[in-house]
Protein backbone atom coordinates (compact mmCIF):
# COMPACT_ATOMS: atom_id res chain seq x y z
CA MET A 1 -67.46 -59.77 3.19
CA ASP A 2 -69.57 -57.06 4.60
CA GLY A 3 -72.04 -58.23 7.10
CA PRO A 4 -74.65 -57.77 9.73
CA GLU A 5 -74.19 -57.43 13.41
CA GLY A 6 -75.79 -58.51 16.64
CA SER A 7 -79.17 -56.99 17.27
CA ALA A 8 -80.67 -56.00 20.59
CA GLY A 9 -83.02 -58.52 22.14
CA GLN A 10 -83.62 -60.92 25.02
CA PRO A 11 -81.48 -60.89 28.17
CA GLY A 12 -79.96 -64.24 27.30
CA PRO A 13 -79.90 -67.01 24.72
CA ALA A 14 -83.37 -68.55 24.86
CA GLU A 15 -82.64 -70.83 21.91
CA ARG A 16 -79.44 -71.63 20.08
CA SER A 17 -80.98 -70.58 16.78
CA HIS A 18 -82.11 -67.17 18.07
CA ARG A 19 -79.48 -65.86 20.44
CA SER A 20 -79.31 -62.23 21.44
CA SER A 21 -75.99 -60.47 21.69
CA VAL A 22 -77.14 -57.44 23.69
CA SER A 23 -78.46 -58.41 27.10
CA SER A 24 -79.27 -54.97 28.51
CA VAL A 25 -79.23 -51.43 27.26
CA GLY A 26 -78.80 -48.44 29.51
CA ALA A 27 -78.22 -44.79 28.87
CA ARG A 28 -74.52 -45.28 28.17
CA ALA A 29 -73.51 -48.87 28.83
CA ALA A 30 -74.60 -52.28 27.61
CA ASP A 31 -73.71 -55.90 28.26
CA VAL A 32 -72.72 -57.51 24.99
CA LEU A 33 -72.77 -61.31 24.76
CA VAL A 34 -70.21 -62.85 22.45
CA TYR A 35 -70.49 -66.58 21.72
CA LEU A 36 -67.53 -68.90 21.25
CA ALA A 37 -67.58 -72.03 19.10
CA ASP A 38 -68.35 -74.28 22.10
CA ASP A 39 -71.40 -72.10 23.00
CA THR A 40 -69.55 -70.47 25.88
CA VAL A 41 -70.80 -66.92 26.42
CA VAL A 42 -68.35 -64.07 26.98
CA PRO A 43 -70.21 -61.10 28.55
CA LEU A 44 -68.66 -57.69 27.93
CA ALA A 45 -69.70 -54.42 29.55
CA VAL A 46 -69.03 -51.74 26.95
CA GLU A 47 -69.56 -48.01 26.66
CA SER A 48 -71.07 -46.29 23.63
CA LEU A 49 -72.25 -49.52 22.04
CA PRO A 50 -73.84 -47.95 18.92
CA SER A 51 -70.49 -46.48 17.83
CA LEU A 52 -68.30 -49.40 18.93
CA SER A 53 -66.33 -50.97 16.06
CA ALA A 54 -65.70 -54.66 15.53
CA HIS A 55 -61.98 -54.01 16.02
CA GLU A 56 -62.55 -52.48 19.46
CA LEU A 57 -64.86 -55.31 20.48
CA HIS A 58 -62.33 -57.86 19.21
CA ARG A 59 -59.66 -56.31 21.42
CA ALA A 60 -61.96 -56.50 24.46
CA ILE A 61 -62.60 -60.21 23.83
CA ARG A 62 -58.89 -60.93 23.52
CA GLU A 63 -58.25 -59.22 26.85
CA VAL A 64 -60.96 -61.21 28.63
CA LEU A 65 -59.76 -64.51 27.16
CA GLN A 66 -56.10 -63.53 27.59
CA LEU A 67 -55.25 -64.42 24.02
CA PRO A 68 -51.94 -63.48 22.36
CA ASP A 69 -51.76 -60.66 19.82
CA VAL A 70 -51.74 -63.11 16.92
CA ALA A 71 -55.38 -63.86 17.72
CA LEU A 72 -56.21 -60.57 15.98
CA GLU A 73 -55.34 -62.27 12.68
CA ILE A 74 -56.68 -65.73 13.52
CA PHE A 75 -60.18 -64.80 14.66
CA ALA A 76 -62.89 -62.44 13.52
CA LEU A 77 -66.31 -61.36 14.70
CA TRP A 78 -69.26 -62.86 12.85
CA LEU A 79 -72.96 -62.18 12.84
CA VAL A 80 -74.69 -65.53 12.57
CA SER A 81 -78.28 -66.72 12.37
CA PRO A 82 -79.92 -69.74 10.72
CA LEU A 83 -80.56 -67.58 7.65
CA LEU A 84 -77.27 -65.76 7.13
CA GLU A 85 -73.64 -65.78 8.28
CA VAL A 86 -71.38 -62.78 7.75
CA GLN A 87 -67.83 -62.05 8.84
CA LEU A 88 -67.41 -58.44 9.97
CA LYS A 89 -64.65 -56.13 8.88
CA PRO A 90 -62.70 -54.33 11.65
CA LYS A 91 -64.36 -51.02 10.76
CA HIS A 92 -67.90 -52.35 10.98
CA GLN A 93 -70.09 -51.28 13.87
CA PRO A 94 -71.87 -54.46 15.02
CA TYR A 95 -74.75 -52.76 16.80
CA LYS A 96 -75.68 -50.59 13.81
CA LEU A 97 -75.34 -53.48 11.40
CA GLY A 98 -77.50 -55.60 13.65
CA ARG A 99 -80.26 -53.03 13.40
CA GLN A 100 -80.05 -53.47 9.62
CA TRP A 101 -80.33 -57.25 9.84
CA PRO A 102 -83.87 -57.46 8.32
CA GLU A 103 -82.67 -55.44 5.32
CA LEU A 104 -79.72 -57.78 4.85
CA LEU A 105 -82.00 -60.81 5.00
CA LEU A 106 -84.29 -59.33 2.36
CA ARG A 107 -81.31 -58.61 0.14
CA PHE A 108 -79.37 -61.84 0.55
CA THR A 109 -81.93 -64.54 1.40
CA ASP A 110 -85.27 -65.87 0.17
CA ALA A 111 -86.62 -66.17 3.70
CA PRO A 112 -90.37 -65.57 4.19
CA ASP A 113 -91.39 -62.28 5.77
CA ASP A 114 -92.35 -64.00 9.03
CA ASP A 115 -88.88 -65.53 9.36
CA VAL A 116 -87.24 -62.22 8.54
CA ALA A 117 -89.26 -60.51 11.25
CA THR A 118 -88.29 -63.03 13.95
CA ASP A 119 -84.72 -63.87 12.95
CA GLU A 120 -82.07 -62.48 15.26
CA PRO A 121 -78.29 -62.84 14.82
CA SER A 122 -75.78 -63.63 17.50
CA LEU A 123 -72.30 -62.16 17.69
CA GLN A 124 -69.74 -64.96 17.43
CA PHE A 125 -65.96 -65.12 17.81
CA ARG A 126 -64.87 -67.46 15.04
CA ARG A 127 -62.00 -68.29 12.74
CA ASN A 128 -61.09 -65.63 10.20
CA VAL A 129 -61.78 -67.05 6.74
CA PHE A 130 -58.72 -65.17 5.43
CA PHE A 131 -56.24 -66.74 7.86
CA PRO A 132 -54.02 -69.25 5.95
CA LYS A 133 -54.07 -72.89 6.99
CA ARG A 134 -50.30 -73.09 6.90
CA ARG A 135 -49.93 -70.53 9.63
CA GLU A 136 -52.13 -72.59 11.94
CA LEU A 137 -49.33 -75.15 12.08
CA GLN A 138 -47.14 -72.52 13.74
CA ILE A 139 -49.57 -71.85 16.62
CA HIS A 140 -48.55 -73.12 20.07
CA ASP A 141 -50.87 -71.19 22.37
CA GLU A 142 -53.17 -73.83 23.90
CA GLU A 143 -56.22 -71.60 24.27
CA VAL A 144 -56.03 -70.46 20.64
CA LEU A 145 -55.69 -74.09 19.54
CA ARG A 146 -58.66 -75.05 21.72
CA LEU A 147 -60.89 -72.42 20.12
CA LEU A 148 -59.89 -73.54 16.62
CA TYR A 149 -60.44 -77.17 17.62
CA GLU A 150 -63.92 -76.46 19.03
CA GLU A 151 -65.00 -74.71 15.85
CA ALA A 152 -63.63 -77.43 13.59
CA LYS A 153 -65.27 -80.12 15.74
CA ALA A 154 -68.64 -78.37 15.56
CA ASN A 155 -68.42 -78.22 11.75
CA VAL A 156 -67.48 -81.91 11.53
CA LEU A 157 -70.28 -83.04 13.85
CA ALA A 158 -72.82 -80.90 11.98
CA ALA A 159 -71.57 -82.41 8.67
CA ARG A 160 -70.75 -78.94 7.37
CA TYR A 161 -67.31 -80.45 6.75
CA PRO A 162 -68.22 -83.70 4.95
CA CYS A 163 -65.84 -86.49 5.99
CA ASP A 164 -65.44 -90.14 5.07
CA ALA A 165 -66.35 -92.62 7.80
CA GLU A 166 -62.69 -93.48 8.44
CA ASP A 167 -61.81 -89.82 8.91
CA CYS A 168 -64.81 -89.28 11.19
CA GLU A 169 -63.57 -92.16 13.34
CA ALA A 170 -60.04 -90.73 13.51
CA LEU A 171 -61.35 -87.29 14.43
CA GLY A 172 -63.88 -88.72 16.88
CA ALA A 173 -61.11 -90.70 18.55
CA LEU A 174 -59.20 -87.50 19.24
CA VAL A 175 -62.35 -85.98 20.73
CA CYS A 176 -62.64 -89.07 22.96
CA ARG A 177 -59.05 -88.59 24.08
CA LEU A 178 -59.63 -84.93 24.88
CA GLN A 179 -62.89 -85.52 26.75
CA LEU A 180 -62.32 -88.93 28.35
CA GLY A 181 -58.55 -89.06 28.72
CA PRO A 182 -56.20 -91.82 27.50
CA PHE A 183 -57.86 -95.02 26.32
CA GLN A 184 -58.53 -97.52 29.11
CA PRO A 185 -59.46 -101.04 27.95
CA GLY A 186 -62.65 -102.32 29.47
CA GLN A 187 -66.39 -101.97 29.57
CA PRO A 188 -66.53 -98.51 31.25
CA THR A 189 -64.76 -96.89 28.29
CA ALA A 190 -67.09 -98.59 25.80
CA CYS A 191 -70.14 -97.46 27.78
CA ALA A 192 -68.88 -93.89 28.02
CA VAL A 193 -68.34 -93.76 24.25
CA ARG A 194 -71.75 -95.31 23.53
CA GLU A 195 -73.61 -92.89 25.77
CA LYS A 196 -72.04 -89.84 24.11
CA LEU A 197 -71.69 -91.19 20.59
CA ASP A 198 -73.22 -88.10 19.00
CA SER A 199 -70.53 -86.00 20.72
CA PHE A 200 -67.87 -87.89 18.79
CA LEU A 201 -69.43 -88.70 15.40
CA PRO A 202 -71.78 -86.88 12.98
CA ALA A 203 -75.44 -87.79 13.42
CA HIS A 204 -75.71 -89.79 10.18
CA LEU A 205 -72.99 -92.17 11.43
CA CYS A 206 -74.66 -92.65 14.80
CA LYS A 207 -77.79 -94.25 13.36
CA ARG A 208 -78.11 -97.85 14.41
CA GLY A 209 -79.98 -99.23 11.40
CA HIS A 210 -80.08 -102.92 10.57
CA GLY A 211 -80.58 -105.01 7.50
CA LEU A 212 -80.27 -104.41 3.78
CA PHE A 213 -82.30 -101.17 3.76
CA ALA A 214 -80.03 -99.56 6.34
CA ALA A 215 -76.94 -100.66 4.44
CA LEU A 216 -78.24 -99.16 1.20
CA ARG A 217 -78.92 -95.87 2.95
CA GLY A 218 -75.45 -95.74 4.47
CA ARG A 219 -74.37 -92.94 2.07
CA GLY A 220 -70.94 -94.43 1.59
CA ALA A 221 -70.36 -95.38 5.22
CA LYS A 222 -69.19 -98.92 5.78
CA ALA A 223 -71.48 -101.30 7.61
CA GLY A 224 -70.81 -101.39 11.34
CA THR A 225 -69.28 -97.92 11.53
CA SER A 226 -70.11 -96.46 14.94
CA GLU A 227 -68.95 -97.61 18.37
CA GLN A 228 -66.56 -100.34 17.24
CA GLY A 229 -64.80 -98.26 14.61
CA LEU A 230 -64.57 -95.33 17.00
CA LEU A 231 -63.23 -97.49 19.84
CA SER A 232 -60.60 -98.99 17.55
CA ALA A 233 -59.47 -95.54 16.46
CA TYR A 234 -59.53 -94.35 20.09
CA ARG A 235 -57.26 -97.23 21.05
CA ARG A 236 -54.77 -96.16 18.35
CA VAL A 237 -54.47 -92.52 19.48
CA LYS A 238 -50.82 -91.94 20.20
CA GLU A 239 -49.58 -90.19 23.29
CA GLY A 240 -46.49 -88.03 23.08
CA SER A 241 -43.44 -88.87 25.11
CA GLY A 242 -44.23 -88.24 28.75
CA ASP A 243 -47.85 -87.39 27.89
CA SER A 244 -49.47 -90.61 29.03
CA GLU A 245 -50.98 -89.09 32.17
CA ARG A 246 -54.46 -87.59 32.09
CA GLU A 247 -53.19 -84.18 33.13
CA ALA A 248 -50.71 -84.08 30.26
CA PRO A 249 -50.88 -81.01 27.96
CA LEU A 250 -53.71 -81.21 25.44
CA ARG A 251 -51.98 -79.06 22.84
CA THR A 252 -50.68 -82.09 20.94
CA HIS A 253 -54.17 -83.50 20.45
CA TYR A 254 -55.64 -80.15 19.42
CA GLN A 255 -52.90 -79.89 16.81
CA ALA A 256 -53.52 -83.44 15.63
CA TYR A 257 -57.23 -82.74 15.20
CA LEU A 258 -56.58 -79.55 13.24
CA ALA A 259 -53.92 -81.22 11.10
CA LYS A 260 -56.44 -83.91 10.17
CA CYS A 261 -59.03 -81.25 9.32
CA HIS A 262 -56.47 -79.50 7.12
CA GLU A 263 -56.77 -82.46 4.76
CA LEU A 264 -60.31 -81.34 4.01
CA PRO A 265 -60.18 -78.86 1.11
CA TYR A 266 -63.03 -76.78 2.56
CA TYR A 267 -61.52 -76.31 6.01
CA GLY A 268 -61.87 -72.71 7.23
CA CYS A 269 -64.43 -71.76 4.61
CA ALA A 270 -67.37 -69.39 4.61
CA PHE A 271 -70.74 -71.02 3.88
CA PHE A 272 -73.45 -69.78 1.52
CA HIS A 273 -76.88 -71.11 0.59
CA GLY A 274 -77.88 -71.88 -2.98
CA GLU A 275 -79.57 -74.27 -5.40
CA VAL A 276 -78.43 -76.08 -8.54
CA ASP A 277 -80.33 -77.81 -11.32
CA LYS A 278 -80.65 -81.57 -11.11
CA PRO A 279 -79.79 -83.57 -14.24
CA ALA A 280 -82.84 -84.02 -16.47
CA GLN A 281 -84.38 -87.47 -16.09
CA SER A 282 -85.60 -87.48 -19.69
CA PHE A 283 -85.78 -85.21 -22.70
CA LEU A 284 -89.16 -83.80 -21.64
CA HIS A 285 -88.78 -84.05 -17.88
CA ARG A 286 -86.63 -81.51 -16.10
CA GLY A 287 -84.91 -82.64 -12.94
CA GLY A 288 -85.83 -79.69 -10.72
CA ARG A 289 -83.37 -78.23 -8.21
CA LYS A 290 -81.49 -79.39 -5.17
CA PRO A 291 -80.32 -77.25 -2.23
CA VAL A 292 -76.56 -76.93 -1.86
CA THR A 293 -74.03 -75.24 0.34
CA VAL A 294 -71.27 -73.29 -1.38
CA ALA A 295 -68.07 -73.35 0.68
CA ILE A 296 -65.37 -70.79 -0.19
CA ASN A 297 -61.94 -70.43 1.38
CA LEU A 298 -58.45 -69.33 0.32
CA GLU A 299 -57.99 -72.49 -1.75
CA GLY A 300 -61.11 -72.63 -3.88
CA VAL A 301 -64.84 -73.29 -4.16
CA HIS A 302 -66.76 -76.43 -3.18
CA VAL A 303 -70.42 -77.14 -3.86
CA ILE A 304 -71.81 -79.55 -1.24
CA ASP A 305 -75.05 -81.51 -1.43
CA ASN A 306 -77.07 -80.57 1.66
CA ARG A 307 -78.94 -83.87 1.84
CA GLU A 308 -76.29 -86.41 0.93
CA LYS A 309 -73.45 -84.62 2.76
CA HIS A 310 -70.94 -85.03 -0.03
CA VAL A 311 -69.12 -82.81 -2.53
CA LEU A 312 -70.75 -82.26 -5.90
CA LEU A 313 -67.99 -80.06 -7.30
CA GLY A 314 -64.63 -78.94 -5.97
CA LEU A 315 -62.46 -76.44 -7.83
CA ARG A 316 -59.27 -74.63 -6.97
CA PHE A 317 -59.14 -71.05 -8.14
CA GLN A 318 -56.65 -71.99 -10.84
CA GLU A 319 -59.27 -74.32 -12.30
CA LEU A 320 -62.25 -72.00 -12.64
CA SER A 321 -63.66 -68.84 -14.11
CA TRP A 322 -66.60 -67.13 -12.46
CA ASP A 323 -69.01 -64.27 -12.49
CA HIS A 324 -72.43 -63.42 -11.13
CA THR A 325 -75.56 -61.96 -12.63
CA SER A 326 -78.23 -60.10 -10.72
CA PRO A 327 -81.02 -59.28 -13.15
CA GLU A 328 -83.66 -57.02 -11.70
CA GLU A 329 -86.54 -59.30 -12.61
CA GLU A 330 -84.76 -62.65 -12.54
CA GLU A 331 -82.86 -64.76 -10.03
CA SER A 332 -79.32 -63.93 -8.95
CA VAL A 333 -76.86 -66.52 -10.23
CA LEU A 334 -73.24 -67.41 -9.56
CA TRP A 335 -71.69 -68.90 -12.70
CA LEU A 336 -68.73 -71.29 -12.45
CA GLU A 337 -66.88 -72.25 -15.61
CA PHE A 338 -64.36 -75.12 -15.66
CA ASP A 339 -62.79 -77.66 -18.00
CA GLY A 340 -64.36 -81.09 -18.41
CA ASN A 341 -65.27 -83.68 -20.97
CA ASN A 342 -68.43 -84.95 -22.60
CA GLU A 343 -68.20 -88.53 -23.82
CA GLY A 344 -64.45 -88.18 -24.20
CA THR A 345 -64.53 -84.78 -25.90
CA PRO A 346 -62.89 -81.86 -24.04
CA VAL A 347 -65.51 -79.22 -23.33
CA ASN A 348 -66.03 -76.17 -21.21
CA LYS A 349 -68.65 -76.62 -18.51
CA LEU A 350 -70.89 -74.01 -16.94
CA LEU A 351 -72.55 -74.55 -13.57
CA LYS A 352 -75.41 -72.27 -12.61
CA ILE A 353 -75.86 -71.70 -8.86
CA TYR A 354 -79.07 -69.89 -7.98
CA SER A 355 -78.58 -67.76 -4.89
CA LYS A 356 -79.37 -64.28 -3.64
CA GLN A 357 -75.90 -64.48 -2.08
CA ALA A 358 -74.23 -64.69 -5.53
CA GLU A 359 -72.86 -61.17 -5.15
CA LEU A 360 -71.28 -62.04 -1.79
CA MET A 361 -69.78 -65.24 -3.19
CA SER A 362 -68.34 -63.51 -6.24
CA SER A 363 -66.76 -60.78 -4.12
CA LEU A 364 -65.26 -63.33 -1.72
CA ILE A 365 -63.77 -65.37 -4.57
CA GLU A 366 -62.18 -62.25 -6.03
CA TYR A 367 -60.76 -61.14 -2.68
CA CYS A 368 -59.38 -64.61 -1.85
CA ILE A 369 -57.59 -64.67 -5.19
CA GLU A 370 -56.12 -61.23 -4.56
CA LEU A 371 -54.86 -62.34 -1.14
CA SER A 372 -53.39 -65.51 -2.59
CA GLN A 373 -51.55 -63.69 -5.33
CA ALA A 374 -50.21 -61.03 -2.95
CA SER A 375 -48.97 -63.48 -0.31
CA GLU A 376 -46.58 -65.48 -2.51
CA PRO A 377 -46.11 -63.80 -5.88
CA THR A 378 -42.96 -65.82 -6.61
CA ALA A 379 -44.46 -69.22 -5.91
CA PRO A 380 -47.84 -69.48 -7.65
CA GLN A 381 -47.60 -73.25 -7.99
CA GLU A 382 -47.77 -73.63 -4.21
CA GLY A 383 -51.18 -71.97 -4.07
CA ALA A 384 -49.88 -68.76 -2.43
CA TYR A 385 -51.80 -69.27 0.77
CA GLY A 386 -49.06 -69.11 3.35
CA PRO A 387 -46.35 -66.66 4.30
CA SER A 388 -43.59 -66.21 1.78
CA SER A 389 -40.29 -67.90 2.45
CA ALA A 390 -37.46 -66.08 4.15
CA PRO A 391 -34.73 -64.67 1.89
CA GLY A 392 -32.21 -67.30 0.99
CA SER A 393 -34.34 -70.23 2.11
CA SER A 394 -34.86 -73.14 -0.24
CA PRO A 395 -38.32 -73.48 -1.76
CA PRO A 396 -40.54 -76.09 -0.16
CA PRO A 397 -40.74 -79.42 -1.98
CA ALA A 398 -43.67 -79.88 -4.30
CA GLN A 399 -46.44 -81.77 -2.60
CA ARG A 400 -47.96 -84.80 -4.24
CA PRO A 401 -51.71 -84.60 -4.74
CA GLN A 402 -53.54 -86.29 -1.91
CA LEU A 403 -54.85 -89.72 -2.82
CA ARG A 404 -58.54 -90.04 -2.07
CA ARG A 405 -60.55 -93.15 -1.42
CA GLN A 406 -62.79 -94.42 -4.17
CA GLY A 407 -66.22 -92.92 -3.58
CA SER A 408 -64.87 -90.41 -1.05
CA VAL A 409 -67.34 -87.73 0.02
CA VAL A 410 -64.60 -85.20 -0.82
CA SER A 411 -64.46 -86.23 -4.50
CA SER A 412 -66.49 -84.30 -7.07
CA ARG A 413 -69.66 -85.86 -8.45
CA ILE A 414 -70.14 -83.86 -11.61
CA GLN A 415 -72.52 -86.51 -12.95
CA HIS A 416 -75.01 -85.41 -10.28
CA LEU A 417 -75.03 -81.86 -11.67
CA SER A 418 -76.75 -80.33 -14.65
CA THR A 419 -74.08 -78.37 -16.51
CA ILE A 420 -73.94 -76.59 -19.84
CA ASP A 421 -71.21 -77.96 -22.11
CA TYR A 422 -69.82 -76.02 -25.05
CA VAL A 423 -66.81 -76.00 -27.39
CA GLU A 424 -65.06 -73.92 -30.05
CA GLU A 425 -65.46 -70.14 -30.05
CA VAL A 426 -67.83 -68.10 -27.93
CA SER A 427 -70.69 -66.34 -29.66
CA TRP A 428 -71.22 -63.48 -27.26
CA SER A 429 -74.64 -62.47 -28.55
CA CYS A 430 -75.88 -66.05 -28.41
CA LEU A 431 -74.45 -66.54 -24.93
CA HIS A 432 -76.22 -63.37 -23.82
CA ARG A 433 -79.47 -64.76 -25.19
CA PHE A 434 -78.92 -67.87 -23.10
CA TYR A 435 -78.34 -65.90 -19.90
CA SER A 436 -81.51 -63.88 -20.46
CA ARG A 437 -83.84 -66.51 -21.93
CA GLY A 438 -82.35 -69.97 -21.57
CA PRO A 439 -82.13 -72.61 -24.20
CA CYS A 440 -79.11 -72.61 -26.40
CA VAL A 441 -75.70 -71.22 -26.72
CA ASN A 442 -72.47 -70.81 -28.25
CA SER A 443 -68.99 -71.91 -28.11
CA ARG A 444 -65.73 -70.97 -26.55
CA SER A 445 -63.02 -68.52 -27.54
CA ALA A 446 -59.67 -67.46 -26.21
CA LEU A 447 -61.58 -64.86 -24.20
CA SER A 448 -64.07 -66.38 -21.79
CA PRO A 449 -66.90 -64.14 -20.63
CA PHE A 450 -65.97 -65.06 -17.06
CA ARG A 451 -63.34 -63.77 -14.70
CA ARG A 452 -60.39 -66.08 -14.21
CA LEU A 453 -57.31 -66.21 -12.02
CA GLU A 454 -54.43 -64.47 -13.74
CA GLY A 455 -51.61 -66.78 -14.74
CA CYS A 456 -53.64 -70.00 -14.82
CA ARG A 457 -53.21 -72.50 -17.61
CA GLY A 458 -55.68 -73.73 -20.15
CA PRO A 459 -57.41 -72.51 -23.31
CA SER A 460 -59.79 -70.24 -21.44
CA CYS A 461 -57.28 -68.18 -19.45
CA LEU A 462 -57.62 -64.46 -19.32
CA SER A 463 -54.80 -61.99 -18.92
CA GLN A 464 -56.87 -60.14 -16.33
CA PRO A 465 -60.26 -60.57 -14.63
CA LEU A 466 -63.15 -59.48 -16.83
CA GLY A 467 -66.86 -59.16 -16.39
CA PHE A 468 -69.45 -60.20 -18.98
CA ARG A 469 -68.83 -58.71 -22.40
CA TRP A 470 -70.99 -59.01 -25.50
CA GLN A 471 -70.42 -58.22 -29.14
CA SER A 472 -73.02 -57.81 -31.86
CA VAL A 473 -71.24 -59.76 -34.59
CA ALA A 474 -70.34 -63.34 -33.80
CA PRO A 475 -69.87 -66.71 -35.52
CA PRO A 476 -72.90 -69.01 -35.67
CA CYS A 477 -73.87 -70.54 -32.36
CA VAL A 478 -73.85 -74.26 -31.75
CA ARG A 479 -76.37 -76.20 -29.76
CA LEU A 480 -75.28 -76.88 -26.19
CA THR A 481 -75.62 -80.20 -24.50
CA SER A 482 -76.68 -80.60 -20.91
CA SER A 483 -75.05 -83.15 -18.65
């Protein structure tokens, strides 16, 4: 993903949402402020800032933090503001990109002009979206693990990683262990947890509502989830052999927290803003739109409801086709095509995600697929996200799909989406009419108009990624149904 960079501004971070990354500018030198996931600031005095590359700045940060060489692969520099988040490539020049930030906002966001004029990105040292989860399990450097833990914790507490209440308690208990030490029965521990509850659990689980109304608004959380559930999970945190003392190494608990986060399919993703159509409430009444977050990582794409903090749709790359359209006079759209059913009949479903970041999302999906295919070409069934096995080693055992709780926030809720369902063969001209004008469409053929992962199974597979293609002569179109 190509992205913006830190822009010059105030001497220090006045507000978390508008943090400057250049604190002073002289004739030749400047103090660059790089933010870590825990809001720690790393000041760097650099020469020739305008021509400094992200790779050179990355190396300077590693030297200051005394990180091992592997950190070059694990972390990346990001330009982040409330309106846009972009991971920089090593060749990018953060200062110059930061000067172009207003142009990037106009291109990739719908922000009002006033917000564009005042928005200012900060330069952040964060996890590289292209670093495989499997390789995290091989990390033993405590400082690297701490940085990964802090970033994952921030995403859990902000509900950017939706979690079930039970998982929030388990993760919060590990945070308690890391911040408060081993569990000590008694009132002081309970008071310490209660006073800092929002440091351990997402905000929507910290609400202390009462009665039937509060229970109905629990969004899937069980009644009574807060201090008691967290304390119970805290009590169950296991200490390694010889690690019962407070000064024991924390590496084990960092690893436990990350391992738990690895169960979330959107761990380590990049986030994008968008909107989807709500299901129509009646034949004459359209449902409007709802804001969503599109999370993309090396495993697939997840569409998350911003308000309800749960997954609306989760697809691995093997399960989807995609493309984006950017008409000059219409909205940019990311199209996701996947298999489904309509009243028991197998159909192909289309989801339309309105977003000026559709181009970025489409490019990221394509690049993630290329990385996945290149990393393990001989083991496509394993997802191809980790390093290939050593010569002569036995292949890893096939993993059983993870069982999810009924009503889990991680499970897809396709019924909450308005999709376009179609069957049989694709009428390209009719489908083109739908993209440009709306109402009705065609059917499905062996060639989908969308790009699809090579080698996947199903009636809509392509031998290679394709863009939209139309033909003038086509079989009669059939009326689509919306679900």
